[in-house]
Full PDB file with SEQRES, HELIX, SHEET, SSBOND, CRYST1, ORIGX, SCALE, CONECT and MASTER records, all heavy atoms in Angstrom:
SEQRES   1 A   42  LEU GLY VAL SER GLU LEU LEU SER ASN VAL ILE ARG HIS          
SEQRES   2 A   42  VAL ALA GLU ARG ARG CYS TYR LEU ARG ILE VAL ARG ILE          
SEQRES   3 A   42  GLY GLY GLU VAL THR VAL GLN VAL PHE ASP ARG SER ARG          
SEQRES   4 A   42  LYS LEU PRO                                                  
HELIX    1 AA1 GLY A    2  HIS A   13  1                                  12    
SHEET    1 AA1 2 TYR A  20  ILE A  26  0                                        
SHEET    2 AA1 2 GLU A  29  PHE A  35 -1                                        
CRYST1    1.000    1.000    1.000  90.00  90.00  90.00 P 1           1          
ORIGX1      1.000000  0.000000  0.000000        0.00000                         
ORIGX2      0.000000  1.000000  0.000000        0.00000                         
ORIGX3      0.000000  0.000000  1.000000        0.00000                         
SCALE1      1.000000  0.000000  0.000000        0.00000                         
SCALE2      0.000000  1.000000  0.000000        0.00000                         
SCALE3      0.000000  0.000000  1.000000        0.00000                         
ATOM      1  N   LEU A   1     -13.273  -9.009 -15.128  1.00  0.00           N  
ATOM      2  CA  LEU A   1     -12.860  -8.410 -13.863  1.00  0.00           C  
ATOM      3  C   LEU A   1     -12.096  -7.106 -14.106  1.00  0.00           C  
ATOM      4  O   LEU A   1     -12.356  -6.081 -13.463  1.00  0.00           O  
ATOM      5  CB  LEU A   1     -11.980  -9.383 -13.076  1.00  0.00           C  
ATOM      6  CG  LEU A   1     -11.255  -8.792 -11.862  1.00  0.00           C  
ATOM      7  CD1 LEU A   1     -12.231  -8.571 -10.725  1.00  0.00           C  
ATOM      8  CD2 LEU A   1     -10.113  -9.694 -11.434  1.00  0.00           C  
ATOM      9  N   GLY A   2     -11.146  -7.151 -15.035  1.00  0.00           N  
ATOM     10  CA  GLY A   2     -10.320  -5.978 -15.297  1.00  0.00           C  
ATOM     11  C   GLY A   2     -11.102  -4.800 -15.833  1.00  0.00           C  
ATOM     12  O   GLY A   2     -10.882  -3.652 -15.423  1.00  0.00           O  
ATOM     13  N   VAL A   3     -12.031  -5.050 -16.747  1.00  0.00           N  
ATOM     14  CA  VAL A   3     -12.859  -3.963 -17.279  1.00  0.00           C  
ATOM     15  C   VAL A   3     -13.672  -3.336 -16.150  1.00  0.00           C  
ATOM     16  O   VAL A   3     -13.767  -2.116 -16.055  1.00  0.00           O  
ATOM     17  CB  VAL A   3     -13.753  -4.471 -18.436  1.00  0.00           C  
ATOM     18  CG1 VAL A   3     -14.854  -3.474 -18.772  1.00  0.00           C  
ATOM     19  CG2 VAL A   3     -12.897  -4.757 -19.668  1.00  0.00           C  
ATOM     20  N   SER A   4     -14.240  -4.164 -15.277  1.00  0.00           N  
ATOM     21  CA  SER A   4     -14.982  -3.624 -14.126  1.00  0.00           C  
ATOM     22  C   SER A   4     -14.111  -2.726 -13.279  1.00  0.00           C  
ATOM     23  O   SER A   4     -14.510  -1.627 -12.895  1.00  0.00           O  
ATOM     24  CB  SER A   4     -15.482  -4.765 -13.233  1.00  0.00           C  
ATOM     25  OG  SER A   4     -16.436  -5.526 -13.868  1.00  0.00           O  
ATOM     26  N   GLU A   5     -12.919  -3.200 -12.986  1.00  0.00           N  
ATOM     27  CA  GLU A   5     -12.030  -2.446 -12.102  1.00  0.00           C  
ATOM     28  C   GLU A   5     -11.572  -1.145 -12.754  1.00  0.00           C  
ATOM     29  O   GLU A   5     -11.592  -0.083 -12.119  1.00  0.00           O  
ATOM     30  CB  GLU A   5     -10.829  -3.300 -11.717  1.00  0.00           C  
ATOM     31  CG  GLU A   5      -9.912  -2.646 -10.718  1.00  0.00           C  
ATOM     32  CD  GLU A   5     -10.592  -2.255  -9.418  1.00  0.00           C  
ATOM     33  OE1 GLU A   5     -11.548  -2.921  -8.984  1.00  0.00           O  
ATOM     34  OE2 GLU A   5     -10.153  -1.248  -8.824  1.00  0.00           O  
ATOM     35  N   LEU A   6     -11.157  -1.203 -13.999  1.00  0.00           N  
ATOM     36  CA  LEU A   6     -10.658   0.007 -14.655  1.00  0.00           C  
ATOM     37  C   LEU A   6     -11.751   1.053 -14.826  1.00  0.00           C  
ATOM     38  O   LEU A   6     -11.523   2.242 -14.586  1.00  0.00           O  
ATOM     39  CB  LEU A   6     -10.023  -0.348 -15.997  1.00  0.00           C  
ATOM     40  CG  LEU A   6      -8.796  -1.264 -15.944  1.00  0.00           C  
ATOM     41  CD1 LEU A   6      -8.233  -1.487 -17.335  1.00  0.00           C  
ATOM     42  CD2 LEU A   6      -7.723  -0.734 -15.005  1.00  0.00           C  
ATOM     43  N   LEU A   7     -12.956   0.627 -15.221  1.00  0.00           N  
ATOM     44  CA  LEU A   7     -14.045   1.593 -15.370  1.00  0.00           C  
ATOM     45  C   LEU A   7     -14.533   2.103 -14.025  1.00  0.00           C  
ATOM     46  O   LEU A   7     -14.871   3.283 -13.888  1.00  0.00           O  
ATOM     47  CB  LEU A   7     -15.189   0.983 -16.169  1.00  0.00           C  
ATOM     48  CG  LEU A   7     -14.880   0.691 -17.638  1.00  0.00           C  
ATOM     49  CD1 LEU A   7     -16.100   0.100 -18.333  1.00  0.00           C  
ATOM     50  CD2 LEU A   7     -14.364   1.920 -18.372  1.00  0.00           C  
ATOM     51  N   SER A   8     -14.556   1.261 -13.012  1.00  0.00           N  
ATOM     52  CA  SER A   8     -14.940   1.711 -11.663  1.00  0.00           C  
ATOM     53  C   SER A   8     -13.980   2.774 -11.157  1.00  0.00           C  
ATOM     54  O   SER A   8     -14.389   3.733 -10.494  1.00  0.00           O  
ATOM     55  CB  SER A   8     -14.969   0.534 -10.689  1.00  0.00           C  
ATOM     56  OG  SER A   8     -16.003  -0.350 -11.017  1.00  0.00           O  
ATOM     57  N   ASN A   9     -12.702   2.620 -11.471  1.00  0.00           N  
ATOM     58  CA  ASN A   9     -11.725   3.617 -11.038  1.00  0.00           C  
ATOM     59  C   ASN A   9     -11.914   4.944 -11.768  1.00  0.00           C  
ATOM     60  O   ASN A   9     -11.683   6.001 -11.183  1.00  0.00           O  
ATOM     61  CB  ASN A   9     -10.307   3.088 -11.206  1.00  0.00           C  
ATOM     62  CG  ASN A   9      -9.949   2.150 -10.082  1.00  0.00           C  
ATOM     63  OD1 ASN A   9     -10.568   2.139  -9.034  1.00  0.00           O  
ATOM     64  ND2 ASN A   9      -8.935   1.333 -10.301  1.00  0.00           N  
ATOM     65  N   VAL A  10     -12.340   4.909 -13.018  1.00  0.00           N  
ATOM     66  CA  VAL A  10     -12.670   6.162 -13.713  1.00  0.00           C  
ATOM     67  C   VAL A  10     -13.828   6.841 -12.986  1.00  0.00           C  
ATOM     68  O   VAL A  10     -13.781   8.044 -12.721  1.00  0.00           O  
ATOM     69  CB  VAL A  10     -13.020   5.899 -15.198  1.00  0.00           C  
ATOM     70  CG1 VAL A  10     -13.578   7.164 -15.856  1.00  0.00           C  
ATOM     71  CG2 VAL A  10     -11.798   5.399 -15.966  1.00  0.00           C  
ATOM     72  N   ILE A  11     -14.850   6.082 -12.635  1.00  0.00           N  
ATOM     73  CA  ILE A  11     -16.006   6.649 -11.933  1.00  0.00           C  
ATOM     74  C   ILE A  11     -15.584   7.268 -10.597  1.00  0.00           C  
ATOM     75  O   ILE A  11     -15.995   8.376 -10.257  1.00  0.00           O  
ATOM     76  CB  ILE A  11     -17.088   5.567 -11.708  1.00  0.00           C  
ATOM     77  CG1 ILE A  11     -17.669   5.130 -13.053  1.00  0.00           C  
ATOM     78  CG2 ILE A  11     -18.184   6.062 -10.767  1.00  0.00           C  
ATOM     79  CD1 ILE A  11     -18.511   3.860 -12.984  1.00  0.00           C  
ATOM     80  N   ARG A  12     -14.744   6.577  -9.846  1.00  0.00           N  
ATOM     81  CA  ARG A  12     -14.350   7.034  -8.510  1.00  0.00           C  
ATOM     82  C   ARG A  12     -13.348   8.183  -8.514  1.00  0.00           C  
ATOM     83  O   ARG A  12     -13.366   9.025  -7.624  1.00  0.00           O  
ATOM     84  CB  ARG A  12     -13.724   5.885  -7.723  1.00  0.00           C  
ATOM     85  CG  ARG A  12     -14.702   4.965  -7.115  1.00  0.00           C  
ATOM     86  CD  ARG A  12     -13.994   3.970  -6.177  1.00  0.00           C  
ATOM     87  NE  ARG A  12     -14.739   2.739  -6.170  1.00  0.00           N  
ATOM     88  CZ  ARG A  12     -14.391   1.625  -6.790  1.00  0.00           C  
ATOM     89  NH1 ARG A  12     -13.276   1.564  -7.468  1.00  0.00           N  
ATOM     90  NH2 ARG A  12     -15.151   0.564  -6.740  1.00  0.00           N  
ATOM     91  N   HIS A  13     -12.431   8.185  -9.482  1.00  0.00           N  
ATOM     92  CA  HIS A  13     -11.261   9.061  -9.352  1.00  0.00           C  
ATOM     93  C   HIS A  13     -11.074  10.093 -10.456  1.00  0.00           C  
ATOM     94  O   HIS A  13     -10.126  10.875 -10.392  1.00  0.00           O  
ATOM     95  CB  HIS A  13      -9.987   8.211  -9.288  1.00  0.00           C  
ATOM     96  CG  HIS A  13      -9.995   7.218  -8.172  1.00  0.00           C  
ATOM     97  ND1 HIS A  13      -9.940   7.586  -6.844  1.00  0.00           N  
ATOM     98  CD2 HIS A  13     -10.065   5.863  -8.180  1.00  0.00           C  
ATOM     99  CE1 HIS A  13      -9.970   6.503  -6.085  1.00  0.00           C  
ATOM    100  NE2 HIS A  13     -10.049   5.445  -6.867  1.00  0.00           N  
ATOM    101  N   VAL A  14     -11.914  10.100 -11.476  1.00  0.00           N  
ATOM    102  CA  VAL A  14     -11.701  11.004 -12.607  1.00  0.00           C  
ATOM    103  C   VAL A  14     -12.919  11.910 -12.763  1.00  0.00           C  
ATOM    104  O   VAL A  14     -14.051  11.422 -12.825  1.00  0.00           O  
ATOM    105  CB  VAL A  14     -11.453  10.196 -13.914  1.00  0.00           C  
ATOM    106  CG1 VAL A  14     -11.222  11.143 -15.088  1.00  0.00           C  
ATOM    107  CG2 VAL A  14     -10.268   9.255 -13.742  1.00  0.00           C  
ATOM    108  N   ALA A  15     -12.686  13.213 -12.817  1.00  0.00           N  
ATOM    109  CA  ALA A  15     -13.797  14.171 -12.933  1.00  0.00           C  
ATOM    110  C   ALA A  15     -14.526  14.004 -14.265  1.00  0.00           C  
ATOM    111  O   ALA A  15     -15.758  14.006 -14.309  1.00  0.00           O  
ATOM    112  CB  ALA A  15     -13.278  15.594 -12.778  1.00  0.00           C  
ATOM    113  N   GLU A  16     -13.809  13.863 -15.346  1.00  0.00           N  
ATOM    114  CA  GLU A  16     -14.391  13.677 -16.690  1.00  0.00           C  
ATOM    115  C   GLU A  16     -14.506  12.184 -16.947  1.00  0.00           C  
ATOM    116  O   GLU A  16     -13.515  11.498 -17.131  1.00  0.00           O  
ATOM    117  CB  GLU A  16     -13.487  14.333 -17.746  1.00  0.00           C  
ATOM    118  CG  GLU A  16     -13.829  13.991 -19.174  1.00  0.00           C  
ATOM    119  CD  GLU A  16     -15.245  14.376 -19.575  1.00  0.00           C  
ATOM    120  OE1 GLU A  16     -15.625  15.546 -19.367  1.00  0.00           O  
ATOM    121  OE2 GLU A  16     -15.963  13.503 -20.090  1.00  0.00           O  
ATOM    122  N   ARG A  17     -15.721  11.680 -16.957  1.00  0.00           N  
ATOM    123  CA  ARG A  17     -15.938  10.235 -17.059  1.00  0.00           C  
ATOM    124  C   ARG A  17     -15.903   9.703 -18.485  1.00  0.00           C  
ATOM    125  O   ARG A  17     -16.033   8.506 -18.692  1.00  0.00           O  
ATOM    126  CB  ARG A  17     -17.247   9.855 -16.386  1.00  0.00           C  
ATOM    127  CG  ARG A  17     -17.163  10.036 -14.889  1.00  0.00           C  
ATOM    128  CD  ARG A  17     -18.395   9.532 -14.227  1.00  0.00           C  
ATOM    129  NE  ARG A  17     -18.275   9.673 -12.787  1.00  0.00           N  
ATOM    130  CZ  ARG A  17     -19.239   9.359 -11.960  1.00  0.00           C  
ATOM    131  NH1 ARG A  17     -20.381   8.884 -12.425  1.00  0.00           N  
ATOM    132  NH2 ARG A  17     -19.077   9.510 -10.666  1.00  0.00           N  
ATOM    133  N   ARG A  18     -15.732  10.582 -19.468  1.00  0.00           N  
ATOM    134  CA  ARG A  18     -15.570  10.086 -20.834  1.00  0.00           C  
ATOM    135  C   ARG A  18     -14.196   9.445 -20.905  1.00  0.00           C  
ATOM    136  O   ARG A  18     -13.198  10.021 -20.493  1.00  0.00           O  
ATOM    137  CB  ARG A  18     -15.677  11.208 -21.856  1.00  0.00           C  
ATOM    138  CG  ARG A  18     -15.447  10.700 -23.279  1.00  0.00           C  
ATOM    139  CD  ARG A  18     -16.064  11.562 -24.338  1.00  0.00           C  
ATOM    140  NE  ARG A  18     -17.504  11.691 -24.257  1.00  0.00           N  
ATOM    141  CZ  ARG A  18     -18.389  10.761 -24.624  1.00  0.00           C  
ATOM    142  NH1 ARG A  18     -17.975   9.600 -25.062  1.00  0.00           N  
ATOM    143  NH2 ARG A  18     -19.683  10.991 -24.535  1.00  0.00           N  
ATOM    144  N   CYS A  19     -14.163   8.235 -21.417  1.00  0.00           N  
ATOM    145  CA  CYS A  19     -12.909   7.500 -21.515  1.00  0.00           C  
ATOM    146  C   CYS A  19     -12.941   6.637 -22.771  1.00  0.00           C  
ATOM    147  O   CYS A  19     -13.922   6.683 -23.531  1.00  0.00           O  
ATOM    148  CB  CYS A  19     -12.666   6.650 -20.264  1.00  0.00           C  
ATOM    149  SG  CYS A  19     -13.954   5.440 -19.902  1.00  0.00           S  
ATOM    150  N   TYR A  20     -11.890   5.895 -22.998  1.00  0.00           N  
ATOM    151  CA  TYR A  20     -11.801   5.061 -24.194  1.00  0.00           C  
ATOM    152  C   TYR A  20     -11.314   3.680 -23.771  1.00  0.00           C  
ATOM    153  O   TYR A  20     -10.297   3.556 -23.082  1.00  0.00           O  
ATOM    154  CB  TYR A  20     -10.822   5.688 -25.193  1.00  0.00           C  
ATOM    155  CG  TYR A  20     -10.841   5.023 -26.539  1.00  0.00           C  
ATOM    156  CD1 TYR A  20     -11.798   5.361 -27.487  1.00  0.00           C  
ATOM    157  CD2 TYR A  20      -9.909   4.043 -26.866  1.00  0.00           C  
ATOM    158  CE1 TYR A  20     -11.823   4.743 -28.733  1.00  0.00           C  
ATOM    159  CE2 TYR A  20      -9.925   3.433 -28.106  1.00  0.00           C  
ATOM    160  CZ  TYR A  20     -10.880   3.782 -29.034  1.00  0.00           C  
ATOM    161  OH  TYR A  20     -10.908   3.176 -30.258  1.00  0.00           O  
ATOM    162  N   LEU A  21     -12.061   2.665 -24.168  1.00  0.00           N  
ATOM    163  CA  LEU A  21     -11.715   1.275 -23.898  1.00  0.00           C  
ATOM    164  C   LEU A  21     -11.138   0.677 -25.173  1.00  0.00           C  
ATOM    165  O   LEU A  21     -11.764   0.757 -26.230  1.00  0.00           O  
ATOM    166  CB  LEU A  21     -12.965   0.495 -23.473  1.00  0.00           C  
ATOM    167  CG  LEU A  21     -12.836  -1.022 -23.357  1.00  0.00           C  
ATOM    168  CD1 LEU A  21     -11.881  -1.403 -22.228  1.00  0.00           C  
ATOM    169  CD2 LEU A  21     -14.206  -1.651 -23.150  1.00  0.00           C  
ATOM    170  N   ARG A  22      -9.945   0.100 -25.056  1.00  0.00           N  
ATOM    171  CA  ARG A  22      -9.337  -0.575 -26.209  1.00  0.00           C  
ATOM    172  C   ARG A  22      -8.878  -1.955 -25.770  1.00  0.00           C  
ATOM    173  O   ARG A  22      -8.296  -2.117 -24.698  1.00  0.00           O  
ATOM    174  CB  ARG A  22      -8.155   0.223 -26.755  1.00  0.00           C  
ATOM    175  CG  ARG A  22      -7.538  -0.460 -27.972  1.00  0.00           C  
ATOM    176  CD  ARG A  22      -6.640   0.438 -28.763  1.00  0.00           C  
ATOM    177  NE  ARG A  22      -5.539   0.937 -27.968  1.00  0.00           N  
ATOM    178  CZ  ARG A  22      -4.689   1.857 -28.396  1.00  0.00           C  
ATOM    179  NH1 ARG A  22      -4.815   2.388 -29.589  1.00  0.00           N  
ATOM    180  NH2 ARG A  22      -3.713   2.253 -27.617  1.00  0.00           N  
ATOM    181  N   ILE A  23      -9.162  -2.940 -26.619  1.00  0.00           N  
ATOM    182  CA  ILE A  23      -8.738  -4.312 -26.392  1.00  0.00           C  
ATOM    183  C   ILE A  23      -7.955  -4.731 -27.622  1.00  0.00           C  
ATOM    184  O   ILE A  23      -8.442  -4.603 -28.751  1.00  0.00           O  
ATOM    185  CB  ILE A  23      -9.947  -5.251 -26.170  1.00  0.00           C  
ATOM    186  CG1 ILE A  23     -10.855  -4.694 -25.072  1.00  0.00           C  
ATOM    187  CG2 ILE A  23      -9.468  -6.664 -25.832  1.00  0.00           C  
ATOM    188  CD1 ILE A  23     -12.191  -5.394 -24.965  1.00  0.00           C  
ATOM    189  N   VAL A  24      -6.739  -5.207 -27.402  1.00  0.00           N  
ATOM    190  CA  VAL A  24      -5.823  -5.529 -28.504  1.00  0.00           C  
ATOM    191  C   VAL A  24      -5.352  -6.966 -28.364  1.00  0.00           C  
ATOM    192  O   VAL A  24      -4.966  -7.387 -27.270  1.00  0.00           O  
ATOM    193  CB  VAL A  24      -4.597  -4.581 -28.489  1.00  0.00           C  
ATOM    194  CG1 VAL A  24      -3.649  -4.904 -29.621  1.00  0.00           C  
ATOM    195  CG2 VAL A  24      -5.031  -3.129 -28.530  1.00  0.00           C  
ATOM    196  N   ARG A  25      -5.362  -7.686 -29.469  1.00  0.00           N  
ATOM    197  CA  ARG A  25      -4.807  -9.044 -29.497  1.00  0.00           C  
ATOM    198  C   ARG A  25      -3.533  -9.011 -30.319  1.00  0.00           C  
ATOM    199  O   ARG A  25      -3.527  -8.608 -31.475  1.00  0.00           O  
ATOM    200  CB  ARG A  25      -5.800 -10.021 -30.124  1.00  0.00           C  
ATOM    201  CG  ARG A  25      -5.232 -11.422 -30.258  1.00  0.00           C  
ATOM    202  CD  ARG A  25      -6.224 -12.369 -30.858  1.00  0.00           C  
ATOM    203  NE  ARG A  25      -6.591 -11.934 -32.208  1.00  0.00           N  
ATOM    204  CZ  ARG A  25      -7.391 -12.626 -33.007  1.00  0.00           C  
ATOM    205  NH1 ARG A  25      -7.934 -13.749 -32.609  1.00  0.00           N  
ATOM    206  NH2 ARG A  25      -7.680 -12.174 -34.208  1.00  0.00           N  
ATOM    207  N   ILE A  26      -2.437  -9.432 -29.689  1.00  0.00           N  
ATOM    208  CA  ILE A  26      -1.156  -9.567 -30.384  1.00  0.00           C  
ATOM    209  C   ILE A  26      -0.671 -10.971 -30.103  1.00  0.00           C  
ATOM    210  O   ILE A  26      -0.326 -11.307 -28.969  1.00  0.00           O  
ATOM    211  CB  ILE A  26      -0.126  -8.526 -29.922  1.00  0.00           C  
ATOM    212  CG1 ILE A  26      -0.648  -7.112 -30.172  1.00  0.00           C  
ATOM    213  CG2 ILE A  26       1.219  -8.760 -30.605  1.00  0.00           C  
ATOM    214  CD1 ILE A  26       0.221  -6.009 -29.629  1.00  0.00           C  
ATOM    215  N   GLY A  27      -0.682 -11.798 -31.134  1.00  0.00           N  
ATOM    216  CA  GLY A  27      -0.309 -13.194 -30.955  1.00  0.00           C  
ATOM    217  C   GLY A  27      -1.245 -13.848 -29.968  1.00  0.00           C  
ATOM    218  O   GLY A  27      -2.459 -13.789 -30.104  1.00  0.00           O  
ATOM    219  N   GLY A  28      -0.688 -14.478 -28.950  1.00  0.00           N  
ATOM    220  CA  GLY A  28      -1.474 -15.163 -27.940  1.00  0.00           C  
ATOM    221  C   GLY A  28      -1.735 -14.337 -26.703  1.00  0.00           C  
ATOM    222  O   GLY A  28      -2.058 -14.887 -25.645  1.00  0.00           O  
ATOM    223  N   GLU A  29      -1.597 -13.026 -26.811  1.00  0.00           N  
ATOM    224  CA  GLU A  29      -1.802 -12.153 -25.656  1.00  0.00           C  
ATOM    225  C   GLU A  29      -2.893 -11.140 -25.958  1.00  0.00           C  
ATOM    226  O   GLU A  29      -2.995 -10.641 -27.075  1.00  0.00           O  
ATOM    227  CB  GLU A  29      -0.503 -11.429 -25.311  1.00  0.00           C  
ATOM    228  CG  GLU A  29      -0.598 -10.542 -24.086  1.00  0.00           C  
ATOM    229  CD  GLU A  29       0.739  -9.917 -23.727  1.00  0.00           C  
ATOM    230  OE1 GLU A  29       1.183  -9.011 -24.458  1.00  0.00           O  
ATOM    231  OE2 GLU A  29       1.322 -10.338 -22.713  1.00  0.00           O  
ATOM    232  N   VAL A  30      -3.701 -10.844 -24.958  1.00  0.00           N  
ATOM    233  CA  VAL A  30      -4.710  -9.798 -25.076  1.00  0.00           C  
ATOM    234  C   VAL A  30      -4.376  -8.707 -24.058  1.00  0.00           C  
ATOM    235  O   VAL A  30      -3.987  -8.998 -22.929  1.00  0.00           O  
ATOM    236  CB  VAL A  30      -6.145 -10.346 -24.886  1.00  0.00           C  
ATOM    237  CG1 VAL A  30      -6.351 -10.913 -23.506  1.00  0.00           C  
ATOM    238  CG2 VAL A  30      -7.176  -9.300 -25.197  1.00  0.00           C  
ATOM    239  N   THR A  31      -4.487  -7.460 -24.502  1.00  0.00           N  
ATOM    240  CA  THR A  31      -4.233  -6.313 -23.632  1.00  0.00           C  
ATOM    241  C   THR A  31      -5.483  -5.443 -23.601  1.00  0.00           C  
ATOM    242  O   THR A  31      -6.046  -5.131 -24.653  1.00  0.00           O  
ATOM    243  CB  THR A  31      -3.028  -5.491 -24.123  1.00  0.00           C  
ATOM    244  OG1 THR A  31      -1.872  -6.328 -24.129  1.00  0.00           O  
ATOM    245  CG2 THR A  31      -2.775  -4.284 -23.232  1.00  0.00           C  
ATOM    246  N   VAL A  32      -5.903  -5.078 -22.405  1.00  0.00           N  
ATOM    247  CA  VAL A  32      -7.051  -4.202 -22.198  1.00  0.00           C  
ATOM    248  C   VAL A  32      -6.515  -2.872 -21.680  1.00  0.00           C  
ATOM    249  O   VAL A  32      -5.739  -2.850 -20.719  1.00  0.00           O  
ATOM    250  CB  VAL A  32      -8.046  -4.815 -21.195  1.00  0.00           C  
ATOM    251  CG1 VAL A  32      -9.179  -3.851 -20.904  1.00  0.00           C  
ATOM    252  CG2 VAL A  32      -8.563  -6.156 -21.693  1.00  0.00           C  
ATOM    253  N   GLN A  33      -6.945  -1.778 -22.316  1.00  0.00           N  
ATOM    254  CA  GLN A  33      -6.478  -0.445 -21.938  1.00  0.00           C  
ATOM    255  C   GLN A  33      -7.680   0.467 -21.731  1.00  0.00           C  
ATOM    256  O   GLN A  33      -8.638   0.405 -22.502  1.00  0.00           O  
ATOM    257  CB  GLN A  33      -5.625   0.160 -23.054  1.00  0.00           C  
ATOM    258  CG  GLN A  33      -4.447  -0.686 -23.458  1.00  0.00           C  
ATOM    259  CD  GLN A  33      -3.840  -0.209 -24.768  1.00  0.00           C  
ATOM    260  OE1 GLN A  33      -4.549   0.069 -25.721  1.00  0.00           O  
ATOM    261  NE2 GLN A  33      -2.514  -0.132 -24.794  1.00  0.00           N  
ATOM    262  N   VAL A  34      -7.607   1.309 -20.717  1.00  0.00           N  
ATOM    263  CA  VAL A  34      -8.587   2.377 -20.538  1.00  0.00           C  
ATOM    264  C   VAL A  34      -7.827   3.691 -20.485  1.00  0.00           C  
ATOM    265  O   VAL A  34      -6.924   3.865 -19.668  1.00  0.00           O  
ATOM    266  CB  VAL A  34      -9.460   2.170 -19.280  1.00  0.00           C  
ATOM    267  CG1 VAL A  34     -10.311   3.411 -19.007  1.00  0.00           C  
ATOM    268  CG2 VAL A  34     -10.355   0.952 -19.447  1.00  0.00           C  
ATOM    269  N   PHE A  35      -8.188   4.581 -21.390  1.00  0.00           N  
ATOM    270  CA  PHE A  35      -7.611   5.919 -21.469  1.00  0.00           C  
ATOM    271  C   PHE A  35      -8.590   6.868 -20.796  1.00  0.00           C  
ATOM    272  O   PHE A  35      -9.785   6.831 -21.097  1.00  0.00           O  
ATOM    273  CB  PHE A  35      -7.470   6.362 -22.929  1.00  0.00           C  
ATOM    274  CG  PHE A  35      -6.582   5.498 -23.768  1.00  0.00           C  
ATOM    275  CD1 PHE A  35      -7.008   4.247 -24.202  1.00  0.00           C  
ATOM    276  CD2 PHE A  35      -5.326   5.935 -24.154  1.00  0.00           C  
ATOM    277  CE1 PHE A  35      -6.208   3.444 -24.995  1.00  0.00           C  
ATOM    278  CE2 PHE A  35      -4.516   5.138 -24.948  1.00  0.00           C  
ATOM    279  CZ  PHE A  35      -4.954   3.898 -25.364  1.00  0.00           C  
ATOM    280  N   ASP A  36      -8.102   7.738 -19.895  1.00  0.00           N  
ATOM    281  CA  ASP A  36      -8.981   8.743 -19.297  1.00  0.00           C  
ATOM    282  C   ASP A  36      -8.265  10.081 -19.255  1.00  0.00           C  
ATOM    283  O   ASP A  36      -7.114  10.190 -19.661  1.00  0.00           O  
ATOM    284  CB  ASP A  36      -9.493   8.295 -17.918  1.00  0.00           C  
ATOM    285  CG  ASP A  36      -8.413   8.223 -16.853  1.00  0.00           C  
ATOM    286  OD1 ASP A  36      -7.619   9.183 -16.721  1.00  0.00           O  
ATOM    287  OD2 ASP A  36      -8.358   7.220 -16.132  1.00  0.00           O  
ATOM    288  N   ARG A  37      -8.945  11.108 -18.752  1.00  0.00           N  
ATOM    289  CA  ARG A  37      -8.428  12.477 -18.809  1.00  0.00           C  
ATOM    290  C   ARG A  37      -7.808  12.967 -17.512  1.00  0.00           C  
ATOM    291  O   ARG A  37      -7.662  14.162 -17.315  1.00  0.00           O  
ATOM    292  CB  ARG A  37      -9.540  13.411 -19.217  1.00  0.00           C  
ATOM    293  CG  ARG A  37     -10.146  13.005 -20.530  1.00  0.00           C  
ATOM    294  CD  ARG A  37     -10.176  14.099 -21.487  1.00  0.00           C  
ATOM    295  NE  ARG A  37     -10.663  13.591 -22.763  1.00  0.00           N  
ATOM    296  CZ  ARG A  37     -11.356  14.285 -23.597  1.00  0.00           C  
ATOM    297  NH1 ARG A  37     -11.677  15.513 -23.302  1.00  0.00           N  
ATOM    298  NH2 ARG A  37     -11.724  13.767 -24.737  1.00  0.00           N  
ATOM    299  N   SER A  38      -7.432  12.060 -16.650  1.00  0.00           N  
ATOM    300  CA  SER A  38      -6.764  12.449 -15.412  1.00  0.00           C  
ATOM    301  C   SER A  38      -5.272  12.149 -15.537  1.00  0.00           C  
ATOM    302  O   SER A  38      -4.891  11.100 -16.037  1.00  0.00           O  
ATOM    303  CB  SER A  38      -7.338  11.662 -14.225  1.00  0.00           C  
ATOM    304  OG  SER A  38      -6.544  11.880 -13.081  1.00  0.00           O  
ATOM    305  N   ARG A  39      -4.441  13.049 -15.057  1.00  0.00           N  
ATOM    306  CA  ARG A  39      -2.996  12.821 -15.068  1.00  0.00           C  
ATOM    307  C   ARG A  39      -2.546  12.051 -13.821  1.00  0.00           C  
ATOM    308  O   ARG A  39      -1.408  11.616 -13.748  1.00  0.00           O  
ATOM    309  CB  ARG A  39      -2.243  14.156 -15.114  1.00  0.00           C  
ATOM    310  CG  ARG A  39      -2.514  15.001 -16.311  1.00  0.00           C  
ATOM    311  CD  ARG A  39      -1.758  14.615 -17.549  1.00  0.00           C  
ATOM    312  NE  ARG A  39      -0.320  14.707 -17.375  1.00  0.00           N  
ATOM    313  CZ  ARG A  39       0.545  14.097 -18.176  1.00  0.00           C  
ATOM    314  NH1 ARG A  39       0.125  13.367 -19.166  1.00  0.00           N  
ATOM    315  NH2 ARG A  39       1.824  14.215 -17.974  1.00  0.00           N  
ATOM    316  N   LYS A  40      -3.447  11.874 -12.864  1.00  0.00           N  
ATOM    317  CA  LYS A  40      -3.079  11.213 -11.614  1.00  0.00           C  
ATOM    318  C   LYS A  40      -3.025   9.697 -11.821  1.00  0.00           C  
ATOM    319  O   LYS A  40      -4.033   9.053 -12.091  1.00  0.00           O  
ATOM    320  CB  LYS A  40      -4.077  11.558 -10.517  1.00  0.00           C  
ATOM    321  CG  LYS A  40      -3.678  11.009  -9.178  1.00  0.00           C  
ATOM    322  CD  LYS A  40      -4.602  11.465  -8.079  1.00  0.00           C  
ATOM    323  CE  LYS A  40      -4.115  10.891  -6.765  1.00  0.00           C  
ATOM    324  NZ  LYS A  40      -5.064  11.094  -5.701  1.00  0.00           N  
ATOM    325  N   LEU A  41      -1.818   9.140 -11.664  1.00  0.00           N  
ATOM    326  CA  LEU A  41      -1.635   7.701 -11.824  1.00  0.00           C  
ATOM    327  C   LEU A  41      -2.073   6.977 -10.550  1.00  0.00           C  
ATOM    328  O   LEU A  41      -1.878   7.483  -9.446  1.00  0.00           O  
ATOM    329  CB  LEU A  41      -0.170   7.378 -12.114  1.00  0.00           C  
ATOM    330  CG  LEU A  41       0.411   7.939 -13.411  1.00  0.00           C  
ATOM    331  CD1 LEU A  41       1.902   7.639 -13.498  1.00  0.00           C  
ATOM    332  CD2 LEU A  41      -0.318   7.387 -14.621  1.00  0.00           C  
ATOM    333  N   PRO A  42      -2.654   5.787 -10.699  1.00  0.00           N  
ATOM    334  CA  PRO A  42      -3.022   5.026  -9.501  1.00  0.00           C  
ATOM    335  C   PRO A  42      -1.784   4.593  -8.730  1.00  0.00           C  
ATOM    336  O   PRO A  42      -0.725   4.349  -9.310  1.00  0.00           O  
ATOM    337  CB  PRO A  42      -3.771   3.816 -10.049  1.00  0.00           C  
ATOM    338  CG  PRO A  42      -3.410   3.718 -11.470  1.00  0.00           C  
ATOM    339  CD  PRO A  42      -2.979   5.074 -11.924  1.00  0.00           C  
TER     340      PRO A  42                                                      
MASTER        0    0    0    1    2    0    0    6  339    1    0    4          
END                                                                             
């Protein structure tokens, strides 16, 4: 769900659609991050 939402927001709100998806596991937690080229925070 989160990957869909974060990438959909890049499509809708960011002029440059090149982005970076990172998934990190630290202990028992997973963090999903999407980096894009817009300075506008949601």
